């Protein structure tokens, strides 16, 4: 994460963790290449969850609207 965010250079990371610079570069490249997969897979999961919840939410909105309208009707009578 330090290499991706740019908080430390690859050289600083290799010295601190006693690893070869090539490894840090490879890990950084893999992470950046797969980052789009993580983001897109999360979006599809969120979209599915929203679609599953939608009918129930619309029903709840309808009930709440009725609750708001009915007291107004009784006040008019």
Protein backbone atom coordinates (compact mmCIF):
# COMPACT_ATOMS: atom_id res chain seq x y z
CA UNK A 1 0.00 0.00 0.00
CA UNK A 2 2.89 2.33 0.69
CA UNK A 3 4.12 1.90 -2.89
CA UNK A 4 0.66 2.39 -4.38
CA UNK A 5 -0.16 5.51 -2.39
CA UNK A 6 3.30 6.95 -2.95
CA UNK A 7 3.98 7.54 0.74
CA UNK A 8 7.30 5.76 0.34
CA UNK A 9 9.51 5.02 -2.61
CA UNK A 10 10.17 1.46 -3.68
CA UNK A 11 13.74 1.85 -2.44
CA UNK A 12 12.54 2.93 1.03
CA UNK A 13 10.18 -0.05 1.21
CA UNK A 14 12.85 -2.54 0.18
CA UNK A 15 15.29 -1.29 2.79
CA UNK A 16 12.67 -1.25 5.56
CA UNK A 17 11.34 -4.75 4.85
CA UNK A 18 14.53 -6.34 3.47
CA UNK A 19 12.97 -7.41 0.18
CA UNK A 20 14.06 -7.07 -3.42
CA UNK A 21 12.80 -4.05 -5.40
CA UNK A 22 11.50 -6.32 -8.16
CA UNK A 23 9.07 -7.94 -5.70
CA UNK A 24 7.67 -4.59 -4.64
CA UNK A 25 7.24 -3.54 -8.26
CA UNK A 26 5.53 -6.82 -9.15
CA UNK A 27 3.15 -6.64 -6.17
CA UNK A 28 2.32 -3.04 -6.98
CA UNK A 29 1.63 -3.87 -10.63
CA UNK A 30 -0.58 -6.86 -9.68
CA UNK A 31 -2.54 -4.79 -7.22
CA UNK A 32 -3.14 -1.99 -9.69
CA UNK A 33 -4.09 -4.45 -12.44
CA UNK A 34 -6.62 -6.20 -10.20
CA UNK A 35 -7.98 -3.07 -8.54
CA UNK A 36 -10.56 -2.61 -11.30
CA UNK A 37 -11.78 -6.19 -10.70
CA UNK A 38 -12.32 -5.44 -7.03
CA UNK A 39 -14.24 -2.28 -7.75
CA UNK A 40 -16.45 -3.75 -10.48
CA UNK A 41 -17.24 -6.93 -8.54
CA UNK A 42 -18.27 -4.82 -5.55
CA UNK A 43 -20.56 -2.71 -7.69
CA UNK A 44 -22.40 -5.68 -9.13
CA UNK A 45 -22.90 -7.13 -5.67
CA UNK A 46 -24.24 -3.80 -4.39
CA UNK A 47 -26.52 -3.48 -7.39
CA UNK A 48 -27.95 -6.95 -6.80
CA UNK A 49 -28.57 -6.19 -3.13
CA UNK A 50 -30.36 -2.97 -4.07
CA UNK A 51 -32.51 -4.74 -6.63
CA UNK A 52 -33.46 -7.36 -4.06
CA UNK A 53 -34.47 -4.69 -1.52
CA UNK A 54 -36.31 -2.45 -3.98
CA UNK A 55 -39.79 -4.08 -3.93
CA UNK A 56 -39.92 -4.02 -0.13
CA UNK A 57 -38.83 -0.41 -0.03
CA UNK A 58 -41.51 0.62 -2.52
CA UNK A 59 -44.12 -1.16 -0.40
CA UNK A 60 -42.90 0.65 2.69
CA UNK A 61 -43.04 4.00 0.89
CA UNK A 62 -46.61 3.26 -0.16
CA UNK A 63 -47.64 2.40 3.42
CA UNK A 64 -46.03 5.56 4.76
CA UNK A 65 -47.77 7.69 2.16
CA UNK A 66 -51.12 6.17 3.13
CA UNK A 67 -50.38 6.83 6.79
CA UNK A 68 -49.71 10.48 5.97
CA UNK A 69 -52.84 10.90 3.85
CA UNK A 70 -55.33 9.09 6.11
CA UNK A 71 -54.94 11.36 9.17
CA UNK A 72 -55.51 14.39 6.92
CA UNK A 73 -58.74 12.84 5.62
CA UNK A 74 -60.08 12.22 9.13
CA UNK A 75 -59.30 15.79 10.13
CA UNK A 76 -61.37 17.08 7.22
CA UNK A 77 -64.44 15.10 8.33
